[in-house]
Each structure stands twice: as structure tokens, then as C-alpha cells.
PDB file of all heavy atoms in Angstrom:
ATOM      1  N   ILE A   1      11.383-141.032 -28.830  1.00  0.00           N
ATOM      2  CA  ILE A   1      12.282-140.043 -28.243  1.00  0.00           C
ATOM      3  C   ILE A   1      11.863-139.612 -26.835  1.00  0.00           C
ATOM      4  O   ILE A   1      12.456-139.625 -25.862  1.00  0.00           O
ATOM      5  CB  ILE A   1      12.515-138.718 -29.123  1.00  0.00           C
ATOM      6  CG1 ILE A   1      13.281-139.219 -30.451  1.00  0.00           C
ATOM      7  CG2 ILE A   1      13.035-137.670 -28.413  1.00  0.00           C
ATOM      8  CD1 ILE A   1      13.220-138.063 -31.504  1.00  0.00           C
ATOM      9  N   LEU A   2      10.385-139.434 -26.642  1.00  0.00           N
ATOM     10  CA  LEU A   2       9.988-138.982 -25.405  1.00  0.00           C
ATOM     11  C   LEU A   2       9.897-140.159 -24.405  1.00  0.00           C
ATOM     12  O   LEU A   2      10.027-139.907 -23.257  1.00  0.00           O
ATOM     13  CB  LEU A   2       8.452-138.483 -25.621  1.00  0.00           C
ATOM     14  CG  LEU A   2       8.274-137.171 -26.377  1.00  0.00           C
ATOM     15  CD1 LEU A   2       6.880-136.877 -26.646  1.00  0.00           C
ATOM     16  CD2 LEU A   2       8.926-135.993 -25.716  1.00  0.00           C
ATOM     17  N   GLU A   3       9.839-141.348 -24.883  1.00  0.00           N
ATOM     18  CA  GLU A   3       9.982-142.559 -24.044  1.00  0.00           C
ATOM     19  C   GLU A   3      11.492-142.642 -23.574  1.00  0.00           C
ATOM     20  O   GLU A   3      11.670-143.040 -22.429  1.00  0.00           O
ATOM     21  CB  GLU A   3       9.559-143.815 -24.851  1.00  0.00           C
ATOM     22  CG  GLU A   3       8.066-143.889 -24.910  1.00  0.00           C
ATOM     23  CD  GLU A   3       7.645-145.151 -25.753  1.00  0.00           C
ATOM     24  OE1 GLU A   3       8.475-145.686 -26.458  1.00  0.00           O
ATOM     25  OE2 GLU A   3       6.356-145.400 -25.714  1.00  0.00           O
ATOM     26  N   GLN A   4      12.311-142.186 -24.343  1.00  0.00           N
ATOM     27  CA  GLN A   4      13.713-142.321 -23.919  1.00  0.00           C
ATOM     28  C   GLN A   4      14.064-141.173 -23.047  1.00  0.00           C
ATOM     29  O   GLN A   4      15.037-141.150 -22.229  1.00  0.00           O
ATOM     30  CB  GLN A   4      14.694-142.346 -25.162  1.00  0.00           C
ATOM     31  CG  GLN A   4      14.552-143.580 -26.038  1.00  0.00           C
ATOM     32  CD  GLN A   4      15.397-143.531 -27.416  1.00  0.00           C
ATOM     33  OE1 GLN A   4      15.865-142.498 -27.548  1.00  0.00           O
ATOM     34  NE2 GLN A   4      15.185-144.531 -28.248  1.00  0.00           N
ATOM     35  N   HIS A   5      13.351-140.018 -23.266  1.00  0.00           N
ATOM     36  CA  HIS A   5      13.782-138.693 -22.440  1.00  0.00           C
ATOM     37  C   HIS A   5      12.407-138.398 -21.818  1.00  0.00           C
ATOM     38  O   HIS A   5      11.904-137.349 -22.179  1.00  0.00           O
ATOM     39  CB  HIS A   5      14.252-137.705 -23.363  1.00  0.00           C
ATOM     40  CG  HIS A   5      15.499-137.996 -24.121  1.00  0.00           C
ATOM     41  ND1 HIS A   5      16.698-138.082 -23.592  1.00  0.00           N
ATOM     42  CD2 HIS A   5      15.744-138.604 -25.352  1.00  0.00           C
ATOM     43  CE1 HIS A   5      17.706-138.457 -24.329  1.00  0.00           C
ATOM     44  NE2 HIS A   5      17.118-138.754 -25.458  1.00  0.00           N
ATOM     45  N   PRO A   6      11.962-138.948 -20.713  1.00  0.00           N
ATOM     46  CA  PRO A   6      10.765-138.602 -20.050  1.00  0.00           C
ATOM     47  C   PRO A   6      10.753-136.984 -19.646  1.00  0.00           C
ATOM     48  O   PRO A   6       9.776-136.568 -19.536  1.00  0.00           O
ATOM     49  CB  PRO A   6      10.609-139.547 -18.862  1.00  0.00           C
ATOM     50  CG  PRO A   6      11.672-140.550 -19.077  1.00  0.00           C
ATOM     51  CD  PRO A   6      12.710-140.089 -20.025  1.00  0.00           C
ATOM     52  N   ASP A   7      12.028-136.508 -19.268  1.00  0.00           N
ATOM     53  CA  ASP A   7      12.021-135.201 -18.815  1.00  0.00           C
ATOM     54  C   ASP A   7      11.647-134.146 -19.949  1.00  0.00           C
ATOM     55  O   ASP A   7      11.247-133.017 -19.627  1.00  0.00           O
ATOM     56  CB  ASP A   7      13.277-134.876 -18.290  1.00  0.00           C
ATOM     57  CG  ASP A   7      14.488-135.085 -19.260  1.00  0.00           C
ATOM     58  OD1 ASP A   7      14.430-136.360 -19.828  1.00  0.00           O
ATOM     59  OD2 ASP A   7      15.380-134.397 -19.391  1.00  0.00           O
ATOM     60  N   TRP A   8      11.709-134.600 -21.249  1.00  0.00           N
ATOM     61  CA  TRP A   8      11.195-133.756 -22.279  1.00  0.00           C
ATOM     62  C   TRP A   8       9.732-133.615 -22.398  1.00  0.00           C
ATOM     63  O   TRP A   8       9.193-132.692 -23.078  1.00  0.00           O
ATOM     64  CB  TRP A   8      11.764-134.234 -23.613  1.00  0.00           C
ATOM     65  CG  TRP A   8      13.351-134.131 -23.729  1.00  0.00           C
ATOM     66  CD1 TRP A   8      14.217-133.713 -22.756  1.00  0.00           C
ATOM     67  CD2 TRP A   8      14.159-134.614 -24.811  1.00  0.00           C
ATOM     68  NE1 TRP A   8      15.500-133.730 -23.206  1.00  0.00           N
ATOM     69  CE2 TRP A   8      15.442-134.152 -24.509  1.00  0.00           C
ATOM     70  CE3 TRP A   8      13.894-134.997 -25.989  1.00  0.00           C
ATOM     71  CZ2 TRP A   8      16.612-134.553 -25.381  1.00  0.00           C
ATOM     72  CZ3 TRP A   8      14.964-135.259 -27.005  1.00  0.00           C
ATOM     73  CH2 TRP A   8      16.275-135.082 -26.507  1.00  0.00           C
ATOM     74  N   ARG A   9       8.932-134.543 -21.927  1.00  0.00           N
ATOM     75  CA  ARG A   9       7.612-134.595 -22.040  1.00  0.00           C
ATOM     76  C   ARG A   9       6.821-133.288 -21.453  1.00  0.00           C
ATOM     77  O   ARG A   9       5.914-132.787 -21.974  1.00  0.00           O
ATOM     78  CB  ARG A   9       7.020-135.765 -21.112  1.00  0.00           C
ATOM     79  CG  ARG A   9       7.205-137.050 -21.750  1.00  0.00           C
ATOM     80  CD  ARG A   9       6.576-138.152 -21.034  1.00  0.00           C
ATOM     81  NE  ARG A   9       7.189-139.510 -21.497  1.00  0.00           N
ATOM     82  CZ  ARG A   9       7.138-140.713 -20.951  1.00  0.00           C
ATOM     83  NH1 ARG A   9       6.325-140.579 -19.872  1.00  0.00           N
ATOM     84  NH2 ARG A   9       7.571-141.713 -21.393  1.00  0.00           N
ATOM     85  N   GLU A  10       7.435-132.843 -20.280  1.00  0.00           N
ATOM     86  CA  GLU A  10       6.867-131.564 -19.662  1.00  0.00           C
ATOM     87  C   GLU A  10       7.064-130.402 -20.647  1.00  0.00           C
ATOM     88  O   GLU A  10       6.092-129.598 -20.747  1.00  0.00           O
ATOM     89  CB  GLU A  10       7.480-131.329 -18.255  1.00  0.00           C
ATOM     90  CG  GLU A  10       6.965-130.127 -17.591  1.00  0.00           C
ATOM     91  CD  GLU A  10       5.352-130.263 -17.320  1.00  0.00           C
ATOM     92  OE1 GLU A  10       4.865-131.460 -17.226  1.00  0.00           O
ATOM     93  OE2 GLU A  10       4.717-129.207 -17.276  1.00  0.00           O
ATOM     94  N   GLY A  11       8.073-130.403 -21.283  1.00  0.00           N
ATOM     95  CA  GLY A  11       8.283-129.218 -22.219  1.00  0.00           C
ATOM     96  C   GLY A  11       7.292-129.395 -23.377  1.00  0.00           C
ATOM     97  O   GLY A  11       6.794-128.361 -23.808  1.00  0.00           O
ATOM     98  N   LEU A  12       7.042-130.533 -23.878  1.00  0.00           N
ATOM     99  CA  LEU A  12       6.115-130.669 -24.912  1.00  0.00           C
ATOM    100  C   LEU A  12       4.687-130.400 -24.455  1.00  0.00           C
ATOM    101  O   LEU A  12       3.945-129.716 -25.189  1.00  0.00           O
ATOM    102  CB  LEU A  12       6.144-132.197 -25.409  1.00  0.00           C
ATOM    103  CG  LEU A  12       5.240-132.522 -26.653  1.00  0.00           C
ATOM    104  CD1 LEU A  12       5.566-131.582 -27.779  1.00  0.00           C
ATOM    105  CD2 LEU A  12       5.323-133.966 -26.961  1.00  0.00           C
ATOM    106  N   ARG A  13       4.403-130.821 -23.314  1.00  0.00           N
ATOM    107  CA  ARG A  13       3.072-130.532 -22.649  1.00  0.00           C
ATOM    108  C   ARG A  13       2.939-128.943 -22.741  1.00  0.00           C
ATOM    109  O   ARG A  13       1.781-128.447 -22.989  1.00  0.00           O
ATOM    110  CB  ARG A  13       2.973-131.010 -21.242  1.00  0.00           C
ATOM    111  CG  ARG A  13       2.425-132.408 -21.101  1.00  0.00           C
ATOM    112  CD  ARG A  13       2.227-132.810 -19.673  1.00  0.00           C
ATOM    113  NE  ARG A  13       2.197-134.291 -19.541  1.00  0.00           N
ATOM    114  CZ  ARG A  13       3.340-134.805 -18.946  1.00  0.00           C
ATOM    115  NH1 ARG A  13       4.305-134.258 -18.347  1.00  0.00           N
ATOM    116  NH2 ARG A  13       3.355-136.148 -18.872  1.00  0.00           N
ATOM    117  N   GLN A  14       3.954-128.319 -22.217  1.00  0.00           N
ATOM    118  CA  GLN A  14       3.828-126.803 -22.107  1.00  0.00           C
ATOM    119  C   GLN A  14       3.480-126.150 -23.451  1.00  0.00           C
ATOM    120  O   GLN A  14       2.864-125.124 -23.533  1.00  0.00           O
ATOM    121  CB  GLN A  14       5.095-126.215 -21.517  1.00  0.00           C
ATOM    122  CG  GLN A  14       5.448-126.588 -20.143  1.00  0.00           C
ATOM    123  CD  GLN A  14       4.497-126.054 -19.067  1.00  0.00           C
ATOM    124  OE1 GLN A  14       4.007-124.984 -19.198  1.00  0.00           O
ATOM    125  NE2 GLN A  14       4.191-126.911 -18.067  1.00  0.00           N
ATOM    126  N   LEU A  15       4.095-126.725 -24.497  1.00  0.00           N
ATOM    127  CA  LEU A  15       3.879-126.288 -25.867  1.00  0.00           C
ATOM    128  C   LEU A  15       2.435-126.657 -26.504  1.00  0.00           C
ATOM    129  O   LEU A  15       1.819-125.827 -27.184  1.00  0.00           O
ATOM    130  CB  LEU A  15       4.876-126.716 -26.802  1.00  0.00           C
ATOM    131  CG  LEU A  15       6.285-126.285 -26.539  1.00  0.00           C
ATOM    132  CD1 LEU A  15       7.393-126.985 -27.451  1.00  0.00           C
ATOM    133  CD2 LEU A  15       6.312-124.799 -26.807  1.00  0.00           C
ATOM    134  N   VAL A  16       1.902-127.830 -26.141  1.00  0.00           N
ATOM    135  CA  VAL A  16       0.820-128.365 -26.748  1.00  0.00           C
ATOM    136  C   VAL A  16      -0.479-127.885 -25.944  1.00  0.00           C
ATOM    137  O   VAL A  16      -1.539-127.681 -26.592  1.00  0.00           O
ATOM    138  CB  VAL A  16       0.900-129.940 -26.925  1.00  0.00           C
ATOM    139  CG1 VAL A  16      -0.372-130.424 -27.382  1.00  0.00           C
ATOM    140  CG2 VAL A  16       2.041-130.221 -27.845  1.00  0.00           C
ATOM    141  N   LEU A  17      -0.350-128.077 -24.661  1.00  0.00           N
ATOM    142  CA  LEU A  17      -1.551-127.852 -23.894  1.00  0.00           C
ATOM    143  C   LEU A  17      -1.762-126.294 -23.367  1.00  0.00           C
ATOM    144  O   LEU A  17      -0.789-125.623 -23.309  1.00  0.00           O
ATOM    145  CB  LEU A  17      -1.465-128.667 -22.580  1.00  0.00           C
ATOM    146  CG  LEU A  17      -1.482-130.193 -22.947  1.00  0.00           C
ATOM    147  CD1 LEU A  17      -1.361-130.934 -21.564  1.00  0.00           C
ATOM    148  CD2 LEU A  17      -2.696-130.727 -23.663  1.00  0.00           C
ATOM    149  N   THR A  18      -3.032-125.976 -23.237  1.00  0.00           N
ATOM    150  CA  THR A  18      -3.334-124.657 -22.638  1.00  0.00           C
ATOM    151  C   THR A  18      -3.011-124.532 -21.242  1.00  0.00           C
ATOM    152  O   THR A  18      -2.926-125.649 -20.609  1.00  0.00           O
ATOM    153  CB  THR A  18      -4.771-124.190 -22.991  1.00  0.00           C
ATOM    154  OG1 THR A  18      -5.627-125.132 -22.204  1.00  0.00           O
ATOM    155  CG2 THR A  18      -5.146-124.295 -24.525  1.00  0.00           C
ATOM    156  N   GLN A  19      -2.978-123.318 -20.748  1.00  0.00           N
ATOM    157  CA  GLN A  19      -2.729-123.191 -19.361  1.00  0.00           C
ATOM    158  C   GLN A  19      -3.931-123.750 -18.491  1.00  0.00           C
ATOM    159  O   GLN A  19      -3.652-124.275 -17.486  1.00  0.00           O
ATOM    160  CB  GLN A  19      -2.468-121.668 -18.946  1.00  0.00           C
ATOM    161  CG  GLN A  19      -1.261-121.192 -19.445  1.00  0.00           C
ATOM    162  CD  GLN A  19      -0.001-121.886 -18.798  1.00  0.00           C
ATOM    163  OE1 GLN A  19      -0.051-122.204 -17.679  1.00  0.00           O
ATOM    164  NE2 GLN A  19       0.940-122.233 -19.662  1.00  0.00           N
ATOM    165  N   ASP A  20      -5.079-123.626 -19.081  1.00  0.00           N
ATOM    166  CA  ASP A  20      -6.299-124.167 -18.369  1.00  0.00           C
ATOM    167  C   ASP A  20      -6.160-125.668 -18.236  1.00  0.00           C
ATOM    168  O   ASP A  20      -6.435-126.384 -17.179  1.00  0.00           O
ATOM    169  CB  ASP A  20      -7.482-123.858 -19.086  1.00  0.00           C
ATOM    170  CG  ASP A  20      -7.959-122.472 -18.973  1.00  0.00           C
ATOM    171  OD1 ASP A  20      -7.471-121.759 -18.040  1.00  0.00           O
ATOM    172  OD2 ASP A  20      -8.717-121.968 -19.816  1.00  0.00           O
ATOM    173  N   LEU A  21      -5.755-126.387 -19.283  1.00  0.00           N
ATOM    174  CA  LEU A  21      -5.542-127.826 -19.124  1.00  0.00           C
ATOM    175  C   LEU A  21      -4.371-128.157 -18.318  1.00  0.00           C
ATOM    176  O   LEU A  21      -4.467-129.270 -17.603  1.00  0.00           O
ATOM    177  CB  LEU A  21      -5.308-128.325 -20.599  1.00  0.00           C
ATOM    178  CG  LEU A  21      -6.581-128.331 -21.463  1.00  0.00           C
ATOM    179  CD1 LEU A  21      -6.196-128.916 -22.907  1.00  0.00           C
ATOM    180  CD2 LEU A  21      -7.664-129.291 -20.885  1.00  0.00           C
ATOM    181  N   LEU A  22      -3.334-127.424 -18.312  1.00  0.00           N
ATOM    182  CA  LEU A  22      -2.167-127.712 -17.372  1.00  0.00           C
ATOM    183  C   LEU A  22      -2.593-127.524 -16.064  1.00  0.00           C
ATOM    184  O   LEU A  22      -2.006-128.200 -15.029  1.00  0.00           O
ATOM    185  CB  LEU A  22      -1.068-126.853 -17.811  1.00  0.00           C
ATOM    186  CG  LEU A  22      -0.295-127.064 -19.250  1.00  0.00           C
ATOM    187  CD1 LEU A  22       0.613-126.015 -19.568  1.00  0.00           C
ATOM    188  CD2 LEU A  22       0.244-128.543 -19.176  1.00  0.00           C
ATOM    189  N   ALA A  23      -3.491-126.628 -15.693  1.00  0.00           N
ATOM    190  CA  ALA A  23      -3.873-126.270 -14.246  1.00  0.00           C
ATOM    191  C   ALA A  23      -4.839-127.426 -13.834  1.00  0.00           C
ATOM    192  O   ALA A  23      -5.145-127.435 -12.612  1.00  0.00           O
ATOM    193  CB  ALA A  23      -4.492-124.874 -14.204  1.00  0.00           C
ATOM    194  N   LEU A  24      -5.466-128.184 -14.708  1.00  0.00           N
ATOM    195  CA  LEU A  24      -6.518-129.019 -14.418  1.00  0.00           C
ATOM    196  C   LEU A  24      -6.214-130.137 -13.336  1.00  0.00           C
ATOM    197  O   LEU A  24      -6.981-130.251 -12.416  1.00  0.00           O
ATOM    198  CB  LEU A  24      -7.061-129.744 -15.568  1.00  0.00           C
ATOM    199  CG  LEU A  24      -8.371-130.422 -15.539  1.00  0.00           C
ATOM    200  CD1 LEU A  24      -9.484-129.594 -14.916  1.00  0.00           C
ATOM    201  CD2 LEU A  24      -8.754-131.064 -16.801  1.00  0.00           C
ATOM    202  N   PRO A  25      -5.051-130.749 -13.435  1.00  0.00           N
ATOM    203  CA  PRO A  25      -4.676-131.613 -12.310  1.00  0.00           C
ATOM    204  C   PRO A  25      -4.743-130.986 -10.779  1.00  0.00           C
ATOM    205  O   PRO A  25      -5.261-131.582  -9.858  1.00  0.00           O
ATOM    206  CB  PRO A  25      -3.338-132.142 -12.659  1.00  0.00           C
ATOM    207  CG  PRO A  25      -3.193-132.077 -14.063  1.00  0.00           C
ATOM    208  CD  PRO A  25      -4.008-130.701 -14.380  1.00  0.00           C
ATOM    209  N   GLN A  26      -4.169-129.802 -10.744  1.00  0.00           N
ATOM    210  CA  GLN A  26      -4.190-129.241  -9.318  1.00  0.00           C
ATOM    211  C   GLN A  26      -5.575-128.863  -9.086  1.00  0.00           C
ATOM    212  O   GLN A  26      -5.924-128.888  -7.808  1.00  0.00           O
ATOM    213  CB  GLN A  26      -3.280-127.907  -9.384  1.00  0.00           C
ATOM    214  CG  GLN A  26      -3.226-127.227  -8.075  1.00  0.00           C
ATOM    215  CD  GLN A  26      -2.538-128.219  -7.087  1.00  0.00           C
ATOM    216  OE1 GLN A  26      -1.512-128.866  -7.258  1.00  0.00           O
ATOM    217  NE2 GLN A  26      -3.284-128.350  -5.831  1.00  0.00           N
ATOM    218  N   ILE A  27      -6.328-128.392 -10.004  1.00  0.00           N
ATOM    219  CA  ILE A  27      -7.746-128.075  -9.657  1.00  0.00           C
ATOM    220  C   ILE A  27      -8.535-129.176  -9.116  1.00  0.00           C
ATOM    221  O   ILE A  27      -9.214-129.172  -8.228  1.00  0.00           O
ATOM    222  CB  ILE A  27      -8.461-127.412 -10.931  1.00  0.00           C
ATOM    223  CG1 ILE A  27      -7.832-126.151 -11.262  1.00  0.00           C
ATOM    224  CG2 ILE A  27     -10.038-127.423 -10.765  1.00  0.00           C
ATOM    225  CD1 ILE A  27      -8.328-125.493 -12.718  1.00  0.00           C
ATOM    226  N   VAL A  28      -8.214-130.454  -9.811  1.00  0.00           N
ATOM    227  CA  VAL A  28      -9.004-131.722  -9.398  1.00  0.00           C
ATOM    228  C   VAL A  28      -8.579-132.075  -7.932  1.00  0.00           C
ATOM    229  O   VAL A  28      -9.218-132.376  -7.141  1.00  0.00           O
ATOM    230  CB  VAL A  28      -8.782-132.711 -10.353  1.00  0.00           C
ATOM    231  CG1 VAL A  28      -9.221-133.996  -9.847  1.00  0.00           C
ATOM    232  CG2 VAL A  28      -9.431-132.508 -11.792  1.00  0.00           C
ATOM    233  N   ARG A  29      -7.175-131.937  -7.711  1.00  0.00           N
ATOM    234  CA  ARG A  29      -6.587-132.116  -6.288  1.00  0.00           C
ATOM    235  C   ARG A  29      -7.325-131.389  -5.268  1.00  0.00           C
ATOM    236  O   ARG A  29      -7.658-131.746  -4.256  1.00  0.00           O
ATOM    237  CB  ARG A  29      -5.147-132.065  -6.298  1.00  0.00           C
ATOM    238  CG  ARG A  29      -4.399-133.232  -6.965  1.00  0.00           C
ATOM    239  CD  ARG A  29      -2.954-133.225  -6.642  1.00  0.00           C
ATOM    240  NE  ARG A  29      -2.253-132.072  -7.315  1.00  0.00           N
ATOM    241  CZ  ARG A  29      -1.788-132.147  -8.642  1.00  0.00           C
ATOM    242  NH1 ARG A  29      -1.930-133.199  -9.354  1.00  0.00           N
ATOM    243  NH2 ARG A  29      -1.070-131.197  -9.138  1.00  0.00           N
ATOM    244  N   ASP A  30      -7.311-129.991  -5.612  1.00  0.00           N
ATOM    245  CA  ASP A  30      -8.028-129.000  -4.665  1.00  0.00           C
ATOM    246  C   ASP A  30      -9.498-129.318  -4.469  1.00  0.00           C
ATOM    247  O   ASP A  30      -9.941-129.295  -3.320  1.00  0.00           O
ATOM    248  CB  ASP A  30      -7.845-127.537  -5.314  1.00  0.00           C
ATOM    249  CG  ASP A  30      -6.433-127.123  -5.261  1.00  0.00           C
ATOM    250  OD1 ASP A  30      -5.547-127.658  -4.616  1.00  0.00           O
ATOM    251  OD2 ASP A  30      -6.212-126.055  -5.983  1.00  0.00           O
ATOM    252  N   LEU A  31     -10.122-129.795  -5.486  1.00  0.00           N
ATOM    253  CA  LEU A  31     -11.509-130.111  -5.401  1.00  0.00           C
ATOM    254  C   LEU A  31     -11.781-131.413  -4.550  1.00  0.00           C
ATOM    255  O   LEU A  31     -12.607-131.443  -3.561  1.00  0.00           O
ATOM    256  CB  LEU A  31     -12.175-130.332  -6.781  1.00  0.00           C
ATOM    257  CG  LEU A  31     -13.572-130.665  -6.873  1.00  0.00           C
ATOM    258  CD1 LEU A  31     -14.410-129.544  -6.254  1.00  0.00           C
ATOM    259  CD2 LEU A  31     -13.995-130.962  -8.213  1.00  0.00           C
ATOM    260  N   ALA A  32     -10.837-132.331  -4.757  1.00  0.00           N
ATOM    261  CA  ALA A  32     -10.967-133.541  -3.867  1.00  0.00           C
ATOM    262  C   ALA A  32     -10.754-133.232  -2.412  1.00  0.00           C
ATOM    263  O   ALA A  32     -11.390-133.752  -1.527  1.00  0.00           O
ATOM    264  CB  ALA A  32      -9.897-134.462  -4.434  1.00  0.00           C
ATOM    265  N   GLU A  33      -9.707-132.421  -2.155  1.00  0.00           N
ATOM    266  CA  GLU A  33      -9.413-131.959  -0.814  1.00  0.00           C
ATOM    267  C   GLU A  33     -10.520-131.213  -0.250  1.00  0.00           C
ATOM    268  O   GLU A  33     -10.946-131.442   0.988  1.00  0.00           O
ATOM    269  CB  GLU A  33      -8.235-131.174  -0.656  1.00  0.00           C
ATOM    270  CG  GLU A  33      -7.826-130.608   0.653  1.00  0.00           C
ATOM    271  CD  GLU A  33      -7.519-131.679   1.709  1.00  0.00           C
ATOM    272  OE1 GLU A  33      -7.250-132.734   1.398  1.00  0.00           O
ATOM    273  OE2 GLU A  33      -7.720-131.395   2.862  1.00  0.00           O
TER     274      GLU A  33
END
């Protein structure tokens, strides 16, 4: 279902992952910059 509806993945991420984990990609980008 998620493969058929990629836009639903973000909703699932929001439910499953903590805010710290969700913030991690931006933190890594900021660190790289």
C-alpha cells in the first residue's frame, strides 16, 4: 500500500518515529554545511 501511495509514507513516519529522529536529516544537513 505504501509503495502504491508514497505520499502516505510521511504520515506513517510521523506516527512511528520520534521528533528527534524526524529532525535528524536536517541536523545532518546543518552539520555538513
